[in-house]
Amino acid sequence: MLRELDAYYISQEEPTKSCLLALRNHILNLNEEMSETWTHKMPMFRYKGKLFAYLWIDKKTYKPYVGIYKGIDVDHPELILGNRNKMKIMNIDPEKDLPVKTLNTIFDMALVLY
């Protein structure tokens, strides 16, 4: 039986599906203590058991983004606070290669907060 978490990825249309799967793989490979859960009907990533990041699709643009849980404490120009209190997001263009260098910088900045 297919888990809800896997069904979420499979149900997306290309190129969003490939983008989300690449992001998933990238985040899980950041650190051996990174894990993925299905929480609040979305893919969430935990570092040492604590919420670290999540993946979602913007309802207006239909483009994926990465949400950083302690994003309020991460100062990076690619992160957007918007109307959130603690989390910031980074929009991802599924038509382009993942901005790996930028993602790594942001993730490194967030990991030191744990």
PDB file of N, CA and C in Angstrom:
ATOM      1  N   MET A   1       0.838  -1.189   0.000  1.00  0.00           N
ATOM      2  CA  MET A   1       0.000   0.000   0.000  1.00  0.00           C
ATOM      3  C   MET A   1       0.881   1.250   0.000  1.00  0.00           C
ATOM      4  N   LEU A   2       0.498   2.222  -0.768  1.00  0.00           N
ATOM      5  CA  LEU A   2       1.250   3.457  -0.916  1.00  0.00           C
ATOM      6  C   LEU A   2       1.030   4.382   0.279  1.00  0.00           C
ATOM      7  N   ARG A   3       2.125   4.848   0.860  1.00  0.00           N
ATOM      8  CA  ARG A   3       2.013   5.787   1.975  1.00  0.00           C
ATOM      9  C   ARG A   3       1.550   7.149   1.448  1.00  0.00           C
ATOM     10  N   GLU A   4       0.859   7.911   2.307  1.00  0.00           N
ATOM     11  CA  GLU A   4       0.397   9.252   1.920  1.00  0.00           C
ATOM     12  C   GLU A   4       1.565  10.126   1.486  1.00  0.00           C
ATOM     13  N   LEU A   5       2.666   9.984   2.165  1.00  0.00           N
ATOM     14  CA  LEU A   5       3.861  10.760   1.849  1.00  0.00           C
ATOM     15  C   LEU A   5       4.318  10.491   0.420  1.00  0.00           C
ATOM     16  N   ASP A   6       4.411   9.242   0.047  1.00  0.00           N
ATOM     17  CA  ASP A   6       4.832   8.890  -1.310  1.00  0.00           C
ATOM     18  C   ASP A   6       3.772   9.294  -2.335  1.00  0.00           C
ATOM     19  N   ALA A   7       2.502   9.143  -1.965  1.00  0.00           N
ATOM     20  CA  ALA A   7       1.411   9.518  -2.863  1.00  0.00           C
ATOM     21  C   ALA A   7       1.444  11.019  -3.172  1.00  0.00           C
ATOM     22  N   TYR A   8       1.860  11.823  -2.193  1.00  0.00           N
ATOM     23  CA  TYR A   8       1.959  13.266  -2.401  1.00  0.00           C
ATOM     24  C   TYR A   8       2.907  13.563  -3.568  1.00  0.00           C
ATOM     25  N   TYR A   9       4.075  12.971  -3.542  1.00  0.00           N
ATOM     26  CA  TYR A   9       5.055  13.217  -4.597  1.00  0.00           C
ATOM     27  C   TYR A   9       4.559  12.678  -5.940  1.00  0.00           C
ATOM     28  N   ILE A  10       4.056  11.471  -5.933  1.00  0.00           N
ATOM     29  CA  ILE A  10       3.620  10.822  -7.170  1.00  0.00           C
ATOM     30  C   ILE A  10       2.467  11.572  -7.834  1.00  0.00           C
ATOM     31  N   SER A  11       1.626  12.194  -7.031  1.00  0.00           N
ATOM     32  CA  SER A  11       0.442  12.872  -7.569  1.00  0.00           C
ATOM     33  C   SER A  11       0.747  14.212  -8.243  1.00  0.00           C
ATOM     34  N   GLN A  12       1.952  14.724  -8.076  1.00  0.00           N
ATOM     35  CA  GLN A  12       2.306  16.013  -8.668  1.00  0.00           C
ATOM     36  C   GLN A  12       2.587  15.859 -10.157  1.00  0.00           C
ATOM     37  N   GLU A  13       2.331  16.921 -10.881  1.00  0.00           N
ATOM     38  CA  GLU A  13       2.625  16.924 -12.317  1.00  0.00           C
ATOM     39  C   GLU A  13       4.062  17.368 -12.548  1.00  0.00           C
ATOM     40  N   GLU A  14       4.611  16.931 -13.669  1.00  0.00           N
ATOM     41  CA  GLU A  14       5.957  17.365 -14.060  1.00  0.00           C
ATOM     42  C   GLU A  14       5.895  18.819 -14.525  1.00  0.00           C
ATOM     43  N   PRO A  15       6.902  19.608 -14.309  1.00  0.00           N
ATOM     44  CA  PRO A  15       8.200  19.284 -13.726  1.00  0.00           C
ATOM     45  C   PRO A  15       8.227  19.419 -12.202  1.00  0.00           C
ATOM     46  N   THR A  16       7.084  19.750 -11.585  1.00  0.00           N
ATOM     47  CA  THR A  16       7.028  19.923 -10.135  1.00  0.00           C
ATOM     48  C   THR A  16       7.392  18.634  -9.405  1.00  0.00           C
ATOM     49  N   LYS A  17       6.901  17.504  -9.908  1.00  0.00           N
ATOM     50  CA  LYS A  17       7.193  16.226  -9.251  1.00  0.00           C
ATOM     51  C   LYS A  17       8.694  15.981  -9.176  1.00  0.00           C
ATOM     52  N   SER A  18       9.386  16.127 -10.285  1.00  0.00           N
ATOM     53  CA  SER A  18      10.837  15.898 -10.308  1.00  0.00           C
ATOM     54  C   SER A  18      11.565  16.886  -9.405  1.00  0.00           C
ATOM     55  N   CYS A  19      11.106  18.120  -9.388  1.00  0.00           N
ATOM     56  CA  CYS A  19      11.715  19.149  -8.544  1.00  0.00           C
ATOM     57  C   CYS A  19      11.559  18.780  -7.066  1.00  0.00           C
ATOM     58  N   LEU A  20      10.346  18.398  -6.661  1.00  0.00           N
ATOM     59  CA  LEU A  20      10.108  18.022  -5.265  1.00  0.00           C
ATOM     60  C   LEU A  20      10.909  16.789  -4.874  1.00  0.00           C
ATOM     61  N   LEU A  21      10.995  15.817  -5.762  1.00  0.00           N
ATOM     62  CA  LEU A  21      11.773  14.610  -5.465  1.00  0.00           C
ATOM     63  C   LEU A  21      13.261  14.930  -5.341  1.00  0.00           C
ATOM     64  N   ALA A  22      13.757  15.836  -6.170  1.00  0.00           N
ATOM     65  CA  ALA A  22      15.158  16.250  -6.069  1.00  0.00           C
ATOM     66  C   ALA A  22      15.403  16.995  -4.757  1.00  0.00           C
ATOM     67  N   LEU A  23      14.469  17.867  -4.381  1.00  0.00           N
ATOM     68  CA  LEU A  23      14.589  18.574  -3.101  1.00  0.00           C
ATOM     69  C   LEU A  23      14.567  17.591  -1.934  1.00  0.00           C
ATOM     70  N   ARG A  24      13.665  16.627  -2.002  1.00  0.00           N
ATOM     71  CA  ARG A  24      13.556  15.604  -0.956  1.00  0.00           C
ATOM     72  C   ARG A  24      14.884  14.881  -0.793  1.00  0.00           C
ATOM     73  N   ASN A  25      15.434  14.428  -1.895  1.00  0.00           N
ATOM     74  CA  ASN A  25      16.696  13.707  -1.871  1.00  0.00           C
ATOM     75  C   ASN A  25      17.820  14.584  -1.318  1.00  0.00           C
ATOM     76  N   HIS A  26      17.843  15.823  -1.754  1.00  0.00           N
ATOM     77  CA  HIS A  26      18.897  16.741  -1.316  1.00  0.00           C
ATOM     78  C   HIS A  26      18.821  16.969   0.203  1.00  0.00           C
ATOM     79  N   ILE A  27      17.629  17.217   0.698  1.00  0.00           N
ATOM     80  CA  ILE A  27      17.468  17.479   2.134  1.00  0.00           C
ATOM     81  C   ILE A  27      17.822  16.236   2.952  1.00  0.00           C
ATOM     82  N   LEU A  28      17.343  15.078   2.537  1.00  0.00           N
ATOM     83  CA  LEU A  28      17.632  13.852   3.290  1.00  0.00           C
ATOM     84  C   LEU A  28      19.122  13.511   3.294  1.00  0.00           C
ATOM     85  N   ASN A  29      19.842  13.962   2.280  1.00  0.00           N
ATOM     86  CA  ASN A  29      21.275  13.691   2.212  1.00  0.00           C
ATOM     87  C   ASN A  29      22.137  14.761   2.883  1.00  0.00           C
ATOM     88  N   LEU A  30      21.510  15.759   3.478  1.00  0.00           N
ATOM     89  CA  LEU A  30      22.272  16.805   4.174  1.00  0.00           C
ATOM     90  C   LEU A  30      23.035  16.253   5.365  1.00  0.00           C
ATOM     91  N   ASN A  31      22.367  15.354   6.076  1.00  0.00           N
ATOM     92  CA  ASN A  31      22.918  14.879   7.333  1.00  0.00           C
ATOM     93  C   ASN A  31      22.284  13.529   7.649  1.00  0.00           C
ATOM     94  N   GLU A  32      23.042  12.641   8.252  1.00  0.00           N
ATOM     95  CA  GLU A  32      22.504  11.310   8.576  1.00  0.00           C
ATOM     96  C   GLU A  32      21.394  11.366   9.621  1.00  0.00           C
ATOM     97  N   GLU A  33      21.274  12.469  10.325  1.00  0.00           N
ATOM     98  CA  GLU A  33      20.221  12.606  11.344  1.00  0.00           C
ATOM     99  C   GLU A  33      18.963  13.289  10.799  1.00  0.00           C
ATOM    100  N   MET A  34      18.894  13.464   9.486  1.00  0.00           N
ATOM    101  CA  MET A  34      17.721  14.053   8.838  1.00  0.00           C
ATOM    102  C   MET A  34      16.735  12.935   8.518  1.00  0.00           C
ATOM    103  N   SER A  35      15.463  13.187   8.797  1.00  0.00           N
ATOM    104  CA  SER A  35      14.425  12.204   8.487  1.00  0.00           C
ATOM    105  C   SER A  35      13.218  12.924   7.900  1.00  0.00           C
ATOM    106  N   GLU A  36      12.347  12.159   7.273  1.00  0.00           N
ATOM    107  CA  GLU A  36      11.159  12.725   6.640  1.00  0.00           C
ATOM    108  C   GLU A  36       9.916  12.148   7.292  1.00  0.00           C
ATOM    109  N   THR A  37       8.932  13.011   7.530  1.00  0.00           N
ATOM    110  CA  THR A  37       7.653  12.576   8.083  1.00  0.00           C
ATOM    111  C   THR A  37       6.520  13.204   7.281  1.00  0.00           C
ATOM    112  N   TRP A  38       5.347  12.660   7.453  1.00  0.00           N
ATOM    113  CA  TRP A  38       4.138  13.208   6.838  1.00  0.00           C
ATOM    114  C   TRP A  38       3.367  13.873   7.972  1.00  0.00           C
ATOM    115  N   THR A  39       3.400  15.199   8.026  1.00  0.00           N
ATOM    116  CA  THR A  39       2.781  15.956   9.111  1.00  0.00           C
ATOM    117  C   THR A  39       1.973  17.093   8.511  1.00  0.00           C
ATOM    118  N   HIS A  40       0.789  17.328   9.036  1.00  0.00           N
ATOM    119  CA  HIS A  40      -0.091  18.389   8.531  1.00  0.00           C
ATOM    120  C   HIS A  40      -0.329  18.255   7.029  1.00  0.00           C
ATOM    121  N   LYS A  41      -0.386  17.013   6.567  1.00  0.00           N
ATOM    122  CA  LYS A  41      -0.623  16.685   5.160  1.00  0.00           C
ATOM    123  C   LYS A  41       0.417  17.280   4.217  1.00  0.00           C
ATOM    124  N   MET A  42       1.674  17.296   4.689  1.00  0.00           N
ATOM    125  CA  MET A  42       2.783  17.748   3.848  1.00  0.00           C
ATOM    126  C   MET A  42       4.069  17.049   4.263  1.00  0.00           C
ATOM    127  N   PRO A  43       5.031  16.974   3.340  1.00  0.00           N
ATOM    128  CA  PRO A  43       6.324  16.382   3.682  1.00  0.00           C
ATOM    129  C   PRO A  43       7.115  17.320   4.590  1.00  0.00           C
ATOM    130  N   MET A  44       7.498  16.795   5.736  1.00  0.00           N
ATOM    131  CA  MET A  44       8.284  17.558   6.704  1.00  0.00           C
ATOM    132  C   MET A  44       9.598  16.834   6.937  1.00  0.00           C
ATOM    133  N   PHE A  45      10.609  17.608   7.194  1.00  0.00           N
ATOM    134  CA  PHE A  45      11.926  17.059   7.455  1.00  0.00           C
ATOM    135  C   PHE A  45      12.343  17.445   8.858  1.00  0.00           C
ATOM    136  N   ARG A  46      12.846  16.456   9.561  1.00  0.00           N
ATOM    137  CA  ARG A  46      13.267  16.655  10.948  1.00  0.00           C
ATOM    138  C   ARG A  46      14.758  16.411  11.054  1.00  0.00           C
ATOM    139  N   TYR A  47      15.390  17.258  11.847  1.00  0.00           N
ATOM    140  CA  TYR A  47      16.808  17.102  12.139  1.00  0.00           C
ATOM    141  C   TYR A  47      16.915  16.796  13.623  1.00  0.00           C
ATOM    142  N   LYS A  48      17.495  15.660  13.942  1.00  0.00           N
ATOM    143  CA  LYS A  48      17.581  15.190  15.326  1.00  0.00           C
ATOM    144  C   LYS A  48      16.199  15.174  15.977  1.00  0.00           C
ATOM    145  N   GLY A  49      15.189  14.838  15.200  1.00  0.00           N
ATOM    146  CA  GLY A  49      13.827  14.727  15.709  1.00  0.00           C
ATOM    147  C   GLY A  49      13.052  16.028  15.783  1.00  0.00           C
ATOM    148  N   LYS A  50      13.703  17.153  15.491  1.00  0.00           N
ATOM    149  CA  LYS A  50      13.039  18.455  15.571  1.00  0.00           C
ATOM    150  C   LYS A  50      12.720  18.964  14.168  1.00  0.00           C
ATOM    151  N   LEU A  51      11.592  19.657  14.040  1.00  0.00           N
ATOM    152  CA  LEU A  51      11.185  20.181  12.737  1.00  0.00           C
ATOM    153  C   LEU A  51      12.270  21.073  12.154  1.00  0.00           C
ATOM    154  N   PHE A  52      12.596  20.817  10.894  1.00  0.00           N
ATOM    155  CA  PHE A  52      13.662  21.544  10.215  1.00  0.00           C
ATOM    156  C   PHE A  52      13.144  22.273   8.977  1.00  0.00           C
ATOM    157  N   ALA A  53      12.442  21.551   8.107  1.00  0.00           N
ATOM    158  CA  ALA A  53      11.987  22.144   6.846  1.00  0.00           C
ATOM    159  C   ALA A  53      10.767  21.381   6.340  1.00  0.00           C
ATOM    160  N   TYR A  54      10.113  21.954   5.350  1.00  0.00           N
ATOM    161  CA  TYR A  54       8.996  21.281   4.702  1.00  0.00           C
ATOM    162  C   TYR A  54       8.944  21.690   3.243  1.00  0.00           C
ATOM    163  N   LEU A  55       8.240  20.904   2.444  1.00  0.00           N
ATOM    164  CA  LEU A  55       8.054  21.203   1.024  1.00  0.00           C
ATOM    165  C   LEU A  55       6.580  21.459   0.785  1.00  0.00           C
ATOM    166  N   TRP A  56       6.299  22.436  -0.051  1.00  0.00           N
ATOM    167  CA  TRP A  56       4.917  22.751  -0.374  1.00  0.00           C
ATOM    168  C   TRP A  56       4.854  23.419  -1.737  1.00  0.00           C
ATOM    169  N   ILE A  57       3.639  23.577  -2.244  1.00  0.00           N
ATOM    170  CA  ILE A  57       3.425  24.221  -3.535  1.00  0.00           C
ATOM    171  C   ILE A  57       2.570  25.459  -3.309  1.00  0.00           C
ATOM    172  N   ASP A  58       3.032  26.590  -3.826  1.00  0.00           N
ATOM    173  CA  ASP A  58       2.309  27.848  -3.690  1.00  0.00           C
ATOM    174  C   ASP A  58       0.963  27.755  -4.400  1.00  0.00           C
ATOM    175  N   LYS A  59      -0.081  28.178  -3.721  1.00  0.00           N
ATOM    176  CA  LYS A  59      -1.434  28.063  -4.278  1.00  0.00           C
ATOM    177  C   LYS A  59      -1.694  29.021  -5.436  1.00  0.00           C
ATOM    178  N   LYS A  60      -0.934  30.100  -5.529  1.00  0.00           N
ATOM    179  CA  LYS A  60      -1.134  31.079  -6.611  1.00  0.00           C
ATOM    180  C   LYS A  60      -0.260  30.782  -7.829  1.00  0.00           C
ATOM    181  N   THR A  61       1.001  30.483  -7.578  1.00  0.00           N
ATOM    182  CA  THR A  61       1.940  30.276  -8.686  1.00  0.00           C
ATOM    183  C   THR A  61       2.070  28.804  -9.083  1.00  0.00           C
ATOM    184  N   TYR A  62       1.648  27.909  -8.206  1.00  0.00           N
ATOM    185  CA  TYR A  62       1.772  26.457  -8.403  1.00  0.00           C
ATOM    186  C   TYR A  62       3.232  26.015  -8.492  1.00  0.00           C
ATOM    187  N   LYS A  63       4.125  26.810  -7.938  1.00  0.00           N
ATOM    188  CA  LYS A  63       5.541  26.454  -7.914  1.00  0.00           C
ATOM    189  C   LYS A  63       5.914  25.982  -6.515  1.00  0.00           C
ATOM    190  N   PRO A  64       6.827  25.033  -6.443  1.00  0.00           N
ATOM    191  CA  PRO A  64       7.226  24.513  -5.121  1.00  0.00           C
ATOM    192  C   PRO A  64       8.095  25.511  -4.356  1.00  0.00           C
ATOM    193  N   TYR A  65       8.087  25.311  -3.051  1.00  0.00           N
ATOM    194  CA  TYR A  65       8.998  26.071  -2.203  1.00  0.00           C
ATOM    195  C   TYR A  65       9.429  25.215  -1.023  1.00  0.00           C
ATOM    196  N   VAL A  66      10.530  25.639  -0.424  1.00  0.00           N
ATOM    197  CA  VAL A  66      11.051  24.997   0.778  1.00  0.00           C
ATOM    198  C   VAL A  66      10.788  25.955   1.929  1.00  0.00           C
ATOM    199  N   GLY A  67      10.147  25.456   2.965  1.00  0.00           N
ATOM    200  CA  GLY A  67       9.934  26.242   4.175  1.00  0.00           C
ATOM    201  C   GLY A  67      10.985  25.861   5.207  1.00  0.00           C
ATOM    202  N   ILE A  68      11.570  26.862   5.831  1.00  0.00           N
ATOM    203  CA  ILE A  68      12.592  26.633   6.856  1.00  0.00           C
ATOM    204  C   ILE A  68      11.990  26.988   8.211  1.00  0.00           C
ATOM    205  N   TYR A  69      11.923  26.013   9.120  1.00  0.00           N
ATOM    206  CA  TYR A  69      11.253  26.229  10.398  1.00  0.00           C
ATOM    207  C   TYR A  69      11.859  27.335  11.245  1.00  0.00           C
ATOM    208  N   LYS A  70      13.143  27.391  11.349  1.00  0.00           N
ATOM    209  CA  LYS A  70      13.767  28.455  12.135  1.00  0.00           C
ATOM    210  C   LYS A  70      14.236  29.575  11.210  1.00  0.00           C
ATOM    211  N   GLY A  71      13.521  29.747  10.125  1.00  0.00           N
ATOM    212  CA  GLY A  71      13.890  30.725   9.113  1.00  0.00           C
ATOM    213  C   GLY A  71      13.972  32.150   9.617  1.00  0.00           C
ATOM    214  N   ILE A  72      13.199  32.492  10.633  1.00  0.00           N
ATOM    215  CA  ILE A  72      13.237  33.846  11.187  1.00  0.00           C
ATOM    216  C   ILE A  72      14.646  34.195  11.669  1.00  0.00           C
ATOM    217  N   ASP A  73      15.412  33.182  12.044  1.00  0.00           N
ATOM    218  CA  ASP A  73      16.764  33.383  12.545  1.00  0.00           C
ATOM    219  C   ASP A  73      17.832  33.200  11.469  1.00  0.00           C
ATOM    220  N   VAL A  74      17.404  32.983  10.227  1.00  0.00           N
ATOM    221  CA  VAL A  74      18.345  32.817   9.114  1.00  0.00           C
ATOM    222  C   VAL A  74      18.241  34.042   8.217  1.00  0.00           C
ATOM    223  N   ASP A  75      19.332  34.758   8.094  1.00  0.00           N
ATOM    224  CA  ASP A  75      19.362  35.976   7.285  1.00  0.00           C
ATOM    225  C   ASP A  75      19.987  35.669   5.929  1.00  0.00           C
ATOM    226  N   HIS A  76      19.119  35.454   4.951  1.00  0.00           N
ATOM    227  CA  HIS A  76      19.582  35.178   3.591  1.00  0.00           C
ATOM    228  C   HIS A  76      18.608  35.845   2.620  1.00  0.00           C
ATOM    229  N   PRO A  77      19.116  36.519   1.588  1.00  0.00           N
ATOM    230  CA  PRO A  77      18.246  37.275   0.678  1.00  0.00           C
ATOM    231  C   PRO A  77      17.245  36.423  -0.108  1.00  0.00           C
ATOM    232  N   GLU A  78      17.474  35.132  -0.249  1.00  0.00           N
ATOM    233  CA  GLU A  78      16.545  34.265  -0.980  1.00  0.00           C
ATOM    234  C   GLU A  78      15.369  33.800  -0.116  1.00  0.00           C
ATOM    235  N   LEU A  79      15.466  34.010   1.192  1.00  0.00           N
ATOM    236  CA  LEU A  79      14.392  33.592   2.088  1.00  0.00           C
ATOM    237  C   LEU A  79      13.380  34.719   2.257  1.00  0.00           C
ATOM    238  N   ILE A  80      12.105  34.346   2.206  1.00  0.00           N
ATOM    239  CA  ILE A  80      11.004  35.306   2.286  1.00  0.00           C
ATOM    240  C   ILE A  80      10.178  35.003   3.532  1.00  0.00           C
ATOM    241  N   LEU A  81       9.942  36.025   4.338  1.00  0.00           N
ATOM    242  CA  LEU A  81       9.117  35.862   5.534  1.00  0.00           C
ATOM    243  C   LEU A  81       7.637  35.957   5.194  1.00  0.00           C
ATOM    244  N   GLY A  82       7.266  36.908   4.365  1.00  0.00           N
ATOM    245  CA  GLY A  82       5.861  37.093   4.015  1.00  0.00           C
ATOM    246  C   GLY A  82       5.038  37.376   5.251  1.00  0.00           C
ATOM    247  N   ASN A  83       3.884  36.738   5.378  1.00  0.00           N
ATOM    248  CA  ASN A  83       3.029  36.966   6.544  1.00  0.00           C
ATOM    249  C   ASN A  83       3.204  35.875   7.600  1.00  0.00           C
ATOM    250  N   ARG A  84       4.320  35.193   7.572  1.00  0.00           N
ATOM    251  CA  ARG A  84       4.603  34.146   8.550  1.00  0.00           C
ATOM    252  C   ARG A  84       5.281  34.750   9.780  1.00  0.00           C
ATOM    253  N   ASN A  85       5.180  34.053  10.906  1.00  0.00           N
ATOM    254  CA  ASN A  85       5.784  34.540  12.149  1.00  0.00           C
ATOM    255  C   ASN A  85       7.194  34.031  12.379  1.00  0.00           C
ATOM    256  N   LYS A  86       7.447  32.788  12.046  1.00  0.00           N
ATOM    257  CA  LYS A  86       8.734  32.176  12.364  1.00  0.00           C
ATOM    258  C   LYS A  86       9.431  31.561  11.168  1.00  0.00           C
ATOM    259  N   MET A  87       8.659  31.082  10.224  1.00  0.00           N
ATOM    260  CA  MET A  87       9.225  30.372   9.088  1.00  0.00           C
ATOM    261  C   MET A  87       9.442  31.306   7.906  1.00  0.00           C
ATOM    262  N   LYS A  88      10.473  31.008   7.155  1.00  0.00           N
ATOM    263  CA  LYS A  88      10.710  31.692   5.889  1.00  0.00           C
ATOM    264  C   LYS A  88      10.712  30.636   4.805  1.00  0.00           C
ATOM    265  N   ILE A  89      10.455  31.077   3.591  1.00  0.00           N
ATOM    266  CA  ILE A  89      10.435  30.134   2.476  1.00  0.00           C
ATOM    267  C   ILE A  89      11.410  30.575   1.393  1.00  0.00           C
ATOM    268  N   MET A  90      11.783  29.604   0.589  1.00  0.00           N
ATOM    269  CA  MET A  90      12.581  29.867  -0.609  1.00  0.00           C
ATOM    270  C   MET A  90      11.818  29.266  -1.780  1.00  0.00           C
ATOM    271  N   ASN A  91      11.427  30.114  -2.705  1.00  0.00           N
ATOM    272  CA  ASN A  91      10.732  29.658  -3.903  1.00  0.00           C
ATOM    273  C   ASN A  91      11.708  28.936  -4.821  1.00  0.00           C
ATOM    274  N   ILE A  92      11.213  27.896  -5.475  1.00  0.00           N
ATOM    275  CA  ILE A  92      12.028  27.093  -6.381  1.00  0.00           C
ATOM    276  C   ILE A  92      11.349  27.069  -7.748  1.00  0.00           C
ATOM    277  N   ASP A  93      12.112  27.328  -8.785  1.00  0.00           N
ATOM    278  CA  ASP A  93      11.584  27.256 -10.141  1.00  0.00           C
ATOM    279  C   ASP A  93      11.783  25.832 -10.656  1.00  0.00           C
ATOM    280  N   PRO A  94      10.687  25.087 -10.849  1.00  0.00           N
ATOM    281  CA  PRO A  94      10.830  23.691 -11.266  1.00  0.00           C
ATOM    282  C   PRO A  94      11.343  23.524 -12.699  1.00  0.00           C
ATOM    283  N   GLU A  95      11.365  24.616 -13.445  1.00  0.00           N
ATOM    284  CA  GLU A  95      11.852  24.564 -14.834  1.00  0.00           C
ATOM    285  C   GLU A  95      13.373  24.679 -14.914  1.00  0.00           C
ATOM    286  N   LYS A  96      14.013  24.992 -13.779  1.00  0.00           N
ATOM    287  CA  LYS A  96      15.465  25.197 -13.756  1.00  0.00           C
ATOM    288  C   LYS A  96      16.116  24.165 -12.851  1.00  0.00           C
ATOM    289  N   ASP A  97      17.432  24.059 -12.958  1.00  0.00           N
ATOM    290  CA  ASP A  97      18.188  23.202 -12.048  1.00  0.00           C
ATOM    291  C   ASP A  97      18.041  23.735 -10.626  1.00  0.00           C
ATOM    292  N   LEU A  98      18.100  22.824  -9.659  1.00  0.00           N
ATOM    293  CA  LEU A  98      18.037  23.260  -8.263  1.00  0.00           C
ATOM    294  C   LEU A  98      19.208  24.194  -7.966  1.00  0.00           C
ATOM    295  N   PRO A  99      18.938  25.272  -7.240  1.00  0.00           N
ATOM    296  CA  PRO A  99      20.027  26.170  -6.837  1.00  0.00           C
ATOM    297  C   PRO A  99      20.773  25.569  -5.636  1.00  0.00           C
ATOM    298  N   VAL A 100      21.534  24.521  -5.894  1.00  0.00           N
ATOM    299  CA  VAL A 100      22.153  23.718  -4.848  1.00  0.00           C
ATOM    300  C   VAL A 100      23.044  24.555  -3.931  1.00  0.00           C
ATOM    301  N   LYS A 101      23.842  25.430  -4.503  1.00  0.00           N
ATOM    302  CA  LYS A 101      24.757  26.235  -3.682  1.00  0.00           C
ATOM    303  C   LYS A 101      23.965  27.108  -2.707  1.00  0.00           C
ATOM    304  N   THR A 102      22.918  27.757  -3.194  1.00  0.00           N
ATOM    305  CA  THR A 102      22.080  28.606  -2.335  1.00  0.00           C
ATOM    306  C   THR A 102      21.376  27.763  -1.281  1.00  0.00           C
ATOM    307  N   LEU A 103      20.808  26.643  -1.691  1.00  0.00           N
ATOM    308  CA  LEU A 103      20.146  25.753  -0.734  1.00  0.00           C
ATOM    309  C   LEU A 103      21.116  25.291   0.348  1.00  0.00           C
ATOM    310  N   ASN A 104      22.318  24.894  -0.047  1.00  0.00           N
ATOM    311  CA  ASN A 104      23.305  24.441   0.932  1.00  0.00           C
ATOM    312  C   ASN A 104      23.666  25.540   1.917  1.00  0.00           C
ATOM    313  N   THR A 105      23.811  26.756   1.420  1.00  0.00           N
ATOM    314  CA  THR A 105      24.124  27.882   2.301  1.00  0.00           C
ATOM    315  C   THR A 105      23.009  28.083   3.324  1.00  0.00           C
ATOM    316  N   ILE A 106      21.779  28.097   2.856  1.00  0.00           N
ATOM    317  CA  ILE A 106      20.633  28.293   3.741  1.00  0.00           C
ATOM    318  C   ILE A 106      20.510  27.139   4.733  1.00  0.00           C
ATOM    319  N   PHE A 107      20.623  25.914   4.250  1.00  0.00           N
ATOM    320  CA  PHE A 107      20.521  24.755   5.143  1.00  0.00           C
ATOM    321  C   PHE A 107      21.637  24.756   6.183  1.00  0.00           C
ATOM    322  N   ASP A 108      22.845  25.109   5.777  1.00  0.00           N
ATOM    323  CA  ASP A 108      23.960  25.180   6.731  1.00  0.00           C
ATOM    324  C   ASP A 108      23.681  26.225   7.807  1.00  0.00           C
ATOM    325  N   MET A 109      23.140  27.363   7.397  1.00  0.00           N
ATOM    326  CA  MET A 109      22.812  28.419   8.350  1.00  0.00           C
ATOM    327  C   MET A 109      21.721  27.949   9.320  1.00  0.00           C
ATOM    328  N   ALA A 110      20.774  27.177   8.816  1.00  0.00           N
ATOM    329  CA  ALA A 110      19.678  26.684   9.666  1.00  0.00           C
ATOM    330  C   ALA A 110      20.138  25.553  10.586  1.00  0.00           C
ATOM    331  N   LEU A 111      21.000  24.681  10.104  1.00  0.00           N
ATOM    332  CA  LEU A 111      21.437  23.540  10.906  1.00  0.00           C
ATOM    333  C   LEU A 111      22.158  23.965  12.184  1.00  0.00           C
ATOM    334  N   VAL A 112      22.893  25.054  12.130  1.00  0.00           N
ATOM    335  CA  VAL A 112      23.627  25.486  13.339  1.00  0.00           C
ATOM    336  C   VAL A 112      22.678  25.967  14.433  1.00  0.00           C
ATOM    337  N   LEU A 113      21.419  26.181  14.131  1.00  0.00           N
ATOM    338  CA  LEU A 113      20.445  26.632  15.114  1.00  0.00           C
ATOM    339  C   LEU A 113      19.911  25.480  15.973  1.00  0.00           C
ATOM    340  N   TYR A 114      20.283  24.252  15.625  1.00  0.00           N
ATOM    341  CA  TYR A 114      19.740  23.085  16.335  1.00  0.00           C
ATOM    342  C   TYR A 114      20.726  22.521  17.339  1.00  0.00           C
TER     343      TYR A 114
END
